[in-house]
Protein backbone atom coordinates (compact mmCIF):
# COMPACT_ATOMS: atom_id res chain seq x y z
CA UNK A 1 38.97 -58.60 30.28
CA UNK A 2 41.79 -56.62 28.79
CA UNK A 3 42.21 -52.86 29.05
CA UNK A 4 42.06 -50.88 25.82
CA UNK A 5 44.33 -47.91 25.26
CA UNK A 6 43.99 -44.98 22.93
CA UNK A 7 46.78 -43.44 20.83
CA UNK A 8 48.11 -41.42 23.75
CA UNK A 9 48.36 -44.51 25.94
CA UNK A 10 45.49 -43.60 28.30
CA UNK A 11 43.22 -46.40 29.41
CA UNK A 12 39.57 -45.65 28.62
CA UNK A 13 37.70 -49.04 28.66
CA UNK A 14 38.18 -51.86 31.16
CA UNK A 15 35.70 -54.26 29.57
CA UNK A 16 36.10 -57.02 27.08
CA UNK A 17 32.90 -56.08 25.25
CA UNK A 18 34.46 -53.09 23.55
CA UNK A 19 32.37 -53.21 20.38
CA UNK A 20 29.09 -53.15 22.28
CA UNK A 21 30.26 -50.31 24.48
CA UNK A 22 31.32 -48.33 21.41
CA UNK A 23 27.88 -48.78 19.86
CA UNK A 24 26.11 -47.78 23.08
CA UNK A 25 28.44 -44.81 23.51
CA UNK A 26 27.84 -43.56 19.93
CA UNK A 27 24.06 -43.97 20.25
CA UNK A 28 24.02 -42.02 23.50
CA UNK A 29 26.08 -39.28 21.91
CA UNK A 30 23.71 -39.02 18.92
CA UNK A 31 20.66 -38.95 21.19
CA UNK A 32 22.23 -36.19 23.24
CA UNK A 33 22.96 -34.10 20.14
CA UNK A 34 19.42 -34.67 18.84
CA UNK A 35 17.92 -33.61 22.17
CA UNK A 36 20.10 -30.49 22.23
CA UNK A 37 19.07 -29.56 18.68
CA UNK A 38 15.41 -30.10 19.53
CA UNK A 39 15.61 -27.84 22.56
CA UNK A 40 17.49 -25.13 20.70
CA UNK A 41 15.12 -25.23 17.71
CA UNK A 42 12.10 -25.03 19.99
CA UNK A 43 13.44 -21.79 21.45
CA UNK A 44 14.17 -20.42 17.97
CA UNK A 45 10.62 -20.76 16.64
CA UNK A 46 9.44 -17.58 14.95
CA UNK A 47 6.53 -16.97 17.28
CA UNK A 48 8.81 -17.12 20.33
CA UNK A 49 10.90 -14.21 19.10
CA UNK A 50 9.59 -10.78 20.09
CA UNK A 51 11.49 -9.00 17.30
CA UNK A 52 10.15 -11.35 14.64
CA UNK A 53 6.58 -11.00 15.90
CA UNK A 54 6.90 -7.22 15.87
CA UNK A 55 8.18 -7.32 12.29
CA UNK A 56 5.36 -9.49 10.97
CA UNK A 57 2.82 -7.26 12.74
CA UNK A 58 4.22 -4.23 10.91
CA UNK A 59 4.12 -6.09 7.60
CA UNK A 60 0.54 -7.20 8.20
CA UNK A 61 -0.49 -3.63 9.05
CA UNK A 62 0.86 -2.48 5.69
CA UNK A 63 -1.07 -5.27 3.95
CA UNK A 64 -4.27 -4.10 5.65
CA UNK A 65 -3.74 -0.40 4.85
CA UNK A 66 -2.96 -1.21 1.21
CA UNK A 67 -6.05 -3.40 0.92
CA UNK A 68 -8.18 -0.75 2.64
CA UNK A 69 -7.83 1.63 -0.33
CA UNK A 70 -8.76 -1.11 -2.82
CA UNK A 71 -11.74 -2.32 -0.80
CA UNK A 72 -13.06 1.20 -0.18
CA UNK A 73 -12.92 2.15 -3.86
CA UNK A 74 -14.16 -1.06 -5.50
CA UNK A 75 -15.38 -3.80 -3.16
CA UNK A 76 -17.47 -2.44 -0.30
CA UNK A 77 -19.77 -5.48 -0.58
CA UNK A 78 -17.05 -7.59 1.10
CA UNK A 79 -16.93 -5.38 4.16
CA UNK A 80 -17.62 -8.26 6.59
CA UNK A 81 -14.76 -10.36 5.21
CA UNK A 82 -12.39 -7.42 5.52
CA UNK A 83 -13.57 -6.79 9.07
CA UNK A 84 -12.87 -10.43 9.95
CA UNK A 85 -9.30 -10.17 8.67
CA UNK A 86 -8.72 -6.90 10.53
CA UNK A 87 -10.19 -8.28 13.77
CA UNK A 88 -7.65 -11.10 13.74
CA UNK A 89 -4.84 -8.60 13.21
CA UNK A 90 -6.21 -6.49 16.06
CA UNK A 91 -6.19 -9.49 18.41
CA UNK A 92 -2.66 -10.31 17.29
CA UNK A 93 -1.68 -6.81 18.42
CA UNK A 94 -3.38 -7.42 21.76
CA UNK A 95 -1.58 -10.76 22.18
CA UNK A 96 1.73 -9.06 21.39
CA UNK A 97 1.10 -6.46 24.10
CA UNK A 98 0.40 -9.35 26.49
CA UNK A 99 3.76 -10.92 25.49
CA UNK A 100 1.90 -13.95 24.12
CA UNK A 101 4.00 -14.12 20.96
CA UNK A 102 2.82 -17.58 19.93
CA UNK A 103 -0.82 -16.51 19.88
CA UNK A 104 0.11 -13.24 18.11
CA UNK A 105 1.93 -15.18 15.40
CA UNK A 106 -1.04 -17.51 14.87
CA UNK A 107 -3.50 -14.61 14.65
CA UNK A 108 -1.33 -12.79 12.10
CA UNK A 109 -1.06 -15.95 10.00
CA UNK A 110 -4.83 -16.44 10.17
CA UNK A 111 -5.42 -12.79 9.22
CA UNK A 112 -3.16 -13.16 6.19
CA UNK A 113 -5.13 -16.24 5.17
CA UNK A 114 -8.33 -14.17 5.15
CA UNK A 115 -6.68 -11.31 3.25
CA UNK A 116 -5.20 -13.64 0.63
CA UNK A 117 -8.72 -14.42 -0.63
CA UNK A 118 -9.65 -10.72 -0.72
CA UNK A 119 -6.45 -9.76 -2.56
CA UNK A 120 -6.89 -12.53 -5.11
CA UNK A 121 -10.51 -11.66 -5.85
CA UNK A 122 -9.98 -7.91 -6.13
CA UNK A 123 -6.97 -8.29 -8.45
CA UNK A 124 -8.81 -10.71 -10.72
CA UNK A 125 -12.28 -9.16 -10.73
CA UNK A 126 -11.41 -5.46 -10.72
CA UNK A 127 -7.83 -4.52 -11.56
CA UNK A 128 -7.12 -7.04 -14.32
CA UNK A 129 -10.55 -6.77 -15.94
CA UNK A 130 -10.96 -2.99 -15.60
CA UNK A 131 -7.45 -2.18 -16.85
CA UNK A 132 -8.06 -4.30 -19.96
CA UNK A 133 -11.46 -2.70 -20.53
CA UNK A 134 -10.05 0.84 -20.25
CA UNK A 135 -7.10 0.14 -22.57
CA UNK A 136 -9.27 -1.61 -25.15
CA UNK A 137 -11.81 1.24 -25.22
CA UNK A 138 -9.14 3.90 -25.65
CA UNK A 139 -7.01 2.00 -28.19
CA UNK A 140 -9.08 2.45 -31.41
CA UNK A 141 -9.27 6.24 -31.14
CA UNK A 142 -5.58 6.51 -30.19
CA UNK A 143 -4.53 4.43 -33.19
CA UNK A 144 -6.67 6.61 -35.50
CA UNK A 145 -5.19 9.80 -34.03
CA UNK A 146 -1.66 8.84 -35.23
CA UNK A 147 -0.22 10.69 -32.24
CA UNK A 148 3.20 9.14 -31.49
CA UNK A 149 3.19 10.16 -27.83
CA UNK A 150 -0.33 8.80 -27.29
CA UNK A 151 0.61 5.49 -28.95
CA UNK A 152 3.69 5.25 -26.72
CA UNK A 153 1.61 5.69 -23.56
CA UNK A 154 -0.86 3.10 -24.81
CA UNK A 155 1.98 0.63 -25.44
CA UNK A 156 3.35 1.21 -21.94
CA UNK A 157 -0.13 0.65 -20.52
CA UNK A 158 -0.46 -2.75 -22.21
CA UNK A 159 3.07 -3.65 -21.12
CA UNK A 160 2.38 -2.88 -17.46
CA UNK A 161 -0.88 -4.82 -17.57
CA UNK A 162 1.05 -7.87 -18.79
CA UNK A 163 3.58 -7.46 -15.98
CA UNK A 164 0.71 -7.19 -13.50
CA UNK A 165 -0.79 -10.40 -14.89
CA UNK A 166 2.60 -12.13 -14.42
CA UNK A 167 2.72 -11.07 -10.76
CA UNK A 168 -0.81 -12.39 -10.30
CA UNK A 169 0.17 -15.73 -11.87
CA UNK A 170 3.22 -16.04 -9.61
CA UNK A 171 1.06 -15.42 -6.54
CA UNK A 172 -1.50 -17.98 -7.70
CA UNK A 173 1.16 -20.64 -8.38
CA UNK A 174 3.09 -20.20 -5.12
CA UNK A 175 2.75 -22.43 -2.06
CA UNK A 176 -0.81 -22.14 -0.66
CA UNK A 177 0.54 -21.76 2.87
CA UNK A 178 2.93 -18.88 2.08
CA UNK A 179 0.35 -16.17 2.67
CA UNK A 180 2.82 -13.30 3.17
CA UNK A 181 4.60 -14.06 -0.11
CA UNK A 182 1.28 -14.23 -1.94
CA UNK A 183 0.19 -10.88 -0.50
CA UNK A 184 3.46 -9.26 -1.59
CA UNK A 185 2.97 -10.50 -5.16
CA UNK A 186 -0.69 -9.47 -5.28
CA UNK A 187 0.38 -6.02 -4.07
CA UNK A 188 2.97 -5.82 -6.85
CA UNK A 189 0.28 -6.81 -9.35
CA UNK A 190 -2.03 -4.02 -8.14
CA UNK A 191 0.80 -1.48 -8.33
CA UNK A 192 1.58 -2.39 -11.95
CA UNK A 193 -2.09 -2.45 -12.97
CA UNK A 194 -2.61 0.99 -11.46
CA UNK A 195 0.31 2.28 -13.49
CA UNK A 196 -1.15 0.68 -16.61
CA UNK A 197 -4.35 2.70 -16.07
CA UNK A 198 -2.35 5.89 -15.49
CA UNK A 199 -0.63 5.38 -18.85
CA UNK A 200 -4.04 4.77 -20.44
CA UNK A 201 -5.37 8.08 -19.11
CA UNK A 202 -2.26 9.97 -20.28
CA UNK A 203 -2.74 8.38 -23.68
CA UNK A 204 -6.34 9.60 -23.68
CA UNK A 205 -5.16 13.16 -23.02
CA UNK A 206 -2.39 13.07 -25.62
CA UNK A 207 -4.82 11.79 -28.25
CA UNK A 208 -6.95 14.94 -28.09
CA UNK A 209 -6.79 17.75 -30.63
CA UNK A 210 -5.12 21.12 -30.03
CA UNK A 211 -8.34 22.99 -29.25
CA UNK A 212 -9.49 20.30 -26.81
CA UNK A 213 -6.13 20.42 -25.04
CA UNK A 214 -6.46 24.19 -24.67
CA UNK A 215 -9.85 23.64 -23.03
CA UNK A 216 -8.31 21.05 -20.71
CA UNK A 217 -5.56 23.44 -19.60
CA UNK A 218 -8.15 26.18 -19.11
CA UNK A 219 -10.21 23.81 -16.93
CA UNK A 220 -7.07 22.86 -14.99
CA UNK A 221 -6.32 26.51 -14.19
CA UNK A 222 -9.95 27.15 -13.21
CA UNK A 223 -9.74 24.30 -10.71
CA UNK A 224 -6.49 25.72 -9.35
CA UNK A 225 -8.05 29.16 -8.96
CA UNK A 226 -10.93 27.62 -7.00
CA UNK A 227 -8.35 25.96 -4.75
CA UNK A 228 -6.64 29.31 -4.10
CA UNK A 229 -3.75 29.08 -6.56
CA UNK A 230 -3.42 32.38 -8.49
CA UNK A 231 -1.15 30.97 -11.19
CA UNK A 232 -2.44 31.65 -14.73
CA UNK A 233 -5.76 32.97 -13.39
CA UNK A 234 -5.56 36.10 -15.60
CA UNK A 235 -5.76 33.94 -18.75
CA UNK A 236 -8.81 31.89 -17.78
CA UNK A 237 -11.82 31.93 -20.14
CA UNK A 238 -10.29 34.47 -22.56
CA UNK A 239 -10.87 34.28 -26.31
CA UNK A 240 -7.85 34.18 -28.61
CA UNK A 241 -7.57 37.97 -29.14
CA UNK A 242 -7.89 38.75 -25.44
CA UNK A 243 -5.45 35.95 -24.66
CA UNK A 244 -2.79 37.42 -26.97
CA UNK A 245 -3.39 40.94 -25.64
CA UNK A 246 -3.02 39.76 -22.04
CA UNK A 247 0.10 37.79 -22.94
CA UNK A 248 1.84 40.88 -24.38
CA UNK A 249 1.27 43.10 -21.33
CA UNK A 250 4.24 44.04 -19.17
CA UNK A 251 4.26 43.70 -15.41
CA UNK A 252 4.02 47.48 -14.86
CA UNK A 253 1.11 47.81 -17.28
CA UNK A 254 -0.76 45.04 -15.53
CA UNK A 255 -0.06 46.61 -12.12
CA UNK A 256 -1.41 50.00 -13.21
CA UNK A 257 -4.46 48.40 -14.77
CA UNK A 258 -5.19 46.49 -11.58
CA UNK A 259 -4.66 49.56 -9.41
CA UNK A 260 -7.30 51.52 -11.32
CA UNK A 261 -9.86 48.73 -11.29
CA UNK A 262 -12.46 48.63 -8.56
CA UNK A 263 -12.03 45.73 -6.17
CA UNK A 264 -14.68 43.26 -5.16
CA UNK A 265 -15.21 42.57 -1.48
CA UNK A 266 -13.26 39.31 -1.65
CA UNK A 267 -10.32 40.97 -3.44
CA UNK A 268 -10.39 43.86 -0.97
CA UNK A 269 -10.12 41.48 1.99
CA UNK A 270 -7.23 39.61 0.37
CA UNK A 271 -5.43 42.83 -0.50
CA UNK A 272 -5.98 44.20 3.00
CA UNK A 273 -4.43 41.05 4.43
CA UNK A 274 -1.32 41.61 2.26
CA UNK A 275 -1.20 45.37 2.91
CA UNK A 276 -1.95 46.33 -0.70
CA UNK A 277 -4.89 48.78 -0.33
CA UNK A 278 -3.94 52.46 -0.58
CA UNK A 279 -5.58 55.43 1.15
CA UNK A 280 -8.14 55.82 -1.63
CA UNK A 281 -9.32 52.25 -1.06
CA UNK A 282 -7.96 50.98 -4.37
CA UNK A 283 -5.98 47.78 -4.82
CA UNK A 284 -2.36 48.60 -5.52
CA UNK A 285 -0.93 45.18 -6.43
CA UNK A 286 2.80 45.09 -6.81
CA UNK A 287 3.19 48.68 -5.53
CA UNK A 288 2.80 48.21 -1.78
CA UNK A 289 5.49 49.52 0.51
CA UNK A 290 7.92 47.05 1.99
CA UNK A 291 6.87 46.18 5.52
CA UNK A 292 7.78 43.77 8.27
CA UNK A 293 5.38 41.18 6.84
CA UNK A 294 7.69 40.39 3.91
CA UNK A 295 5.85 42.38 1.19
CA UNK A 296 9.04 42.78 -0.84
CA UNK A 297 9.39 39.00 -1.13
CA UNK A 298 5.77 38.75 -2.26
CA UNK A 299 6.40 41.43 -4.85
CA UNK A 300 9.36 39.49 -6.26
CA UNK A 301 7.30 36.30 -6.21
CA UNK A 302 4.54 38.01 -8.20
CA UNK A 303 7.05 39.23 -10.79
CA UNK A 304 8.43 35.70 -11.25
CA UNK A 305 4.94 34.24 -11.50
CA UNK A 306 3.92 36.92 -14.03
CA UNK A 307 6.83 36.04 -16.33
CA UNK A 308 6.18 32.30 -16.01
CA UNK A 309 2.52 32.86 -16.91
CA UNK A 310 3.49 34.82 -20.02
CA UNK A 311 5.92 32.12 -21.18
CA UNK A 312 3.41 29.32 -20.56
CA UNK A 313 0.69 31.28 -22.39
CA UNK A 314 2.95 31.73 -25.42
CA UNK A 315 3.57 27.97 -25.62
CA UNK A 316 -0.12 27.15 -25.16
CA UNK A 317 -1.26 29.53 -27.90
CA UNK A 318 1.25 27.87 -30.26
CA UNK A 319 0.16 24.34 -29.30
CA UNK A 320 3.50 23.54 -27.61
CA UNK A 321 1.92 21.76 -24.65
CA UNK A 322 5.04 19.86 -23.58
CA UNK A 323 7.01 23.08 -23.09
CA UNK A 324 4.08 24.75 -21.33
CA UNK A 325 3.84 21.76 -19.00
CA UNK A 326 7.49 22.15 -17.94
CA UNK A 327 6.77 25.74 -16.84
CA UNK A 328 3.48 24.97 -15.10
CA UNK A 329 4.56 21.89 -13.11
CA UNK A 330 6.50 23.81 -10.40
CA UNK A 331 3.44 26.04 -9.79
CA UNK A 332 0.79 23.28 -9.75
CA UNK A 333 1.14 20.44 -7.26
CA UNK A 334 0.10 16.92 -8.27
CA UNK A 335 0.07 18.00 -11.91
CA UNK A 336 -0.71 14.66 -13.62
CA UNK A 337 -3.66 13.87 -11.36
CA UNK A 338 -5.21 17.30 -11.89
CA UNK A 339 -4.54 17.26 -15.63
CA UNK A 340 -6.34 13.92 -16.11
CA UNK A 341 -9.19 15.06 -13.87
CA UNK A 342 -9.57 18.18 -16.03
CA UNK A 343 -9.52 15.93 -19.11
CA UNK A 344 -12.45 13.92 -17.77
CA UNK A 345 -14.36 17.12 -16.94
CA UNK A 346 -13.91 18.45 -20.48
CA UNK A 347 -14.68 15.15 -22.23
CA UNK A 348 -17.84 14.71 -20.18
CA UNK A 349 -19.34 17.58 -22.20
CA UNK A 350 -21.14 16.25 -25.36
CA UNK A 351 -18.82 18.12 -27.72
CA UNK A 352 -15.84 16.36 -26.14
CA UNK A 353 -12.47 15.51 -27.59
CA UNK A 354 -11.52 13.88 -30.84
CA UNK A 355 -10.27 10.70 -29.16
CA UNK A 356 -13.46 10.14 -27.18
CA UNK A 357 -15.61 8.77 -29.97
CA UNK A 358 -16.78 5.80 -27.93
CA UNK A 359 -19.04 6.61 -25.04
CA UNK A 360 -17.22 6.18 -21.75
CA UNK A 361 -18.44 6.57 -18.20
CA UNK A 362 -16.05 9.27 -16.99
CA UNK A 363 -17.58 9.24 -13.51
CA UNK A 364 -16.37 5.65 -13.08
CA UNK A 365 -13.02 6.52 -14.63
CA UNK A 366 -12.60 9.18 -11.94
CA UNK A 367 -12.84 6.45 -9.30
CA UNK A 368 -10.01 4.61 -11.07
CA UNK A 369 -8.03 7.85 -11.25
CA UNK A 370 -8.41 8.39 -7.51
CA UNK A 371 -7.44 4.78 -6.80
CA UNK A 372 -4.37 5.04 -9.05
CA UNK A 373 -2.91 7.53 -6.58
CA UNK A 374 -3.89 5.46 -3.49
CA UNK A 375 -6.66 7.83 -2.44
CA UNK A 376 -10.18 7.20 -1.19
CA UNK A 377 -13.24 7.87 -3.32
CA UNK A 378 -15.46 7.31 -0.25
CA UNK A 379 -15.07 7.17 3.50
CA UNK A 380 -12.41 4.67 4.52
CA UNK A 381 -13.89 1.20 5.01
CA UNK A 382 -11.40 0.44 7.76
CA UNK A 383 -12.36 3.55 9.73
CA UNK A 384 -16.02 2.52 9.63
CA UNK A 385 -15.47 -0.58 11.78
CA UNK A 386 -12.03 -0.16 13.40
CA UNK A 387 -13.57 1.23 16.58
CA UNK A 388 -16.09 -1.59 16.99
CA UNK A 389 -13.82 -4.67 16.97
CA UNK A 390 -13.57 -6.57 20.25
CA UNK A 391 -10.83 -8.41 22.10
CA UNK A 392 -11.36 -12.16 21.81
CA UNK A 393 -11.75 -14.37 24.87
CA UNK A 394 -9.23 -17.11 25.55
CA UNK A 395 -10.77 -20.18 23.94
CA UNK A 396 -10.58 -23.82 24.98
CA UNK A 397 -7.85 -24.27 22.36
CA UNK A 398 -5.82 -21.46 23.93
CA UNK A 399 -6.25 -23.04 27.37
CA UNK A 400 -5.14 -26.36 25.95
CA UNK A 401 -2.02 -24.69 24.57
CA UNK A 402 -1.34 -23.44 28.06
CA UNK A 403 -1.24 -27.06 29.35
CA UNK A 404 2.16 -28.66 29.79
CA UNK A 405 3.22 -32.14 28.59
CA UNK A 406 0.84 -35.02 29.27
CA UNK A 407 -1.92 -32.65 30.42
CA UNK A 408 0.09 -31.08 33.27
CA UNK A 409 -1.14 -27.54 33.91
CA UNK A 410 1.22 -24.72 32.99
CA UNK A 411 0.15 -22.86 36.13
CA UNK A 412 1.96 -25.34 38.42
CA UNK A 413 5.41 -24.63 39.82
CA UNK A 414 8.35 -26.58 38.33
CA UNK A 415 8.65 -28.78 41.45
CA UNK A 416 4.94 -29.60 41.44
CA UNK A 417 5.08 -30.39 37.74
CA UNK A 418 8.06 -32.72 38.25
CA UNK A 419 6.30 -34.55 41.10
CA UNK A 420 3.15 -34.97 39.02
CA UNK A 421 5.22 -36.14 36.07
CA UNK A 422 7.04 -38.74 38.22
CA UNK A 423 3.69 -40.05 39.45
CA UNK A 424 2.39 -40.42 35.91
CA UNK A 425 5.61 -42.11 34.77
CA UNK A 426 5.47 -44.50 37.76
CA UNK A 427 1.92 -45.50 36.92
CA UNK A 428 2.93 -46.17 33.33
CA UNK A 429 5.94 -48.28 34.43
CA UNK A 430 3.76 -50.31 36.83
CA UNK A 431 1.21 -50.95 34.11
CA UNK A 432 3.95 -52.02 31.70
CA UNK A 433 5.45 -54.37 34.34
CA UNK A 434 2.08 -56.06 34.92
CA UNK A 435 1.72 -56.68 31.21
CA UNK A 436 5.18 -58.27 31.04
CA UNK A 437 4.45 -60.55 34.05
CA UNK A 438 1.25 -61.79 32.44
CA UNK A 439 3.11 -62.44 29.19
CA UNK A 440 5.85 -64.44 31.00
CA UNK A 441 3.25 -66.49 32.90
CA UNK A 442 1.52 -67.38 29.66
CA UNK A 443 4.82 -68.54 28.15
CA UNK A 444 5.59 -70.79 31.18
CA UNK A 445 2.19 -72.48 30.89
CA UNK A 446 2.88 -73.25 27.25
């Protein structure tokens, strides 16, 4: 045996079988690295990380809330399937609170698997089909109307439907096990298809004639008055001559006219609340004394509103609806939604608009309008069963997961587990030794 020295002159092997020792040494080193990587990767699994589990729970909650609007508006017949998906998410939340992150991860993944089917079906059967039906029904009348703005909205509607179809195709073609990615893409498809329907409804409004649009704006202001918004209420249901006469009145003339008029009980209560009833019991709008309740600010606000109403009325009487819209938007919240809703109300009447030649079910279109803005047309489906879901019992599979290697119970202490493991390994070694002895004896006989 000759010693072997490295470059620095230090002796590191005192054996003649240097090649074999090098091979054994390299194999041991590789096995050690592999074992270290295995242990580190096991601790880095996604379900073992509390932060990761919390993140996927938040994502899954958003998936459920988004789907809840779609299911409530269009697919109540699949209530049981939706409940099943939510129940798994609920139990994932419970497992997270119990610090059982592995079980929480598995329940979230299972919940997403259930929701993937619901998302796919509702996109295909409702959003893709209904958006195409709506656009195709509106298109002939819009093309005949030769309204450039209406044609533009119709083009944008078809464009967004195509983009929504592309998102649906991407989700369908992606890996079947990537549920979260599929749900994101289905959600993008629904968002684009909703926008396609919004463009279709705006195209329907723009395709109407001037007189029909005036009726629509009148209906819009009537709805606002019912909701307590006084803007433009003095122009509601006036014929053209009365409309022009009202439009040309000054603020002082209108105030004097209102002060002389007798007040109804409802107006009297409102005026009393604002401190605008004089000693004679007459309403004195715009002329009340400044008090601690901020009456001066209300007086200024009324003057500004009065001027805005006159400007909007002038544009409406001339058919300049775009300019009137710019003035009315700051005074009417959620303008587009209310404008389309007023359009449906007007077109429901038999003598409807010029672009509504084909018979359309405007009651169903209202459901689509509500859904386009992520609102509920009925009571929330999720709220109907959220309080009745139950916490699942630990199943045999969960108990099996709790077992350690080779069937050793996870409830045992580390020392007890080691002792039990040694016993099992000893039994295996003894059994292996007996087999080898029998094999050697058979060879000797031969």
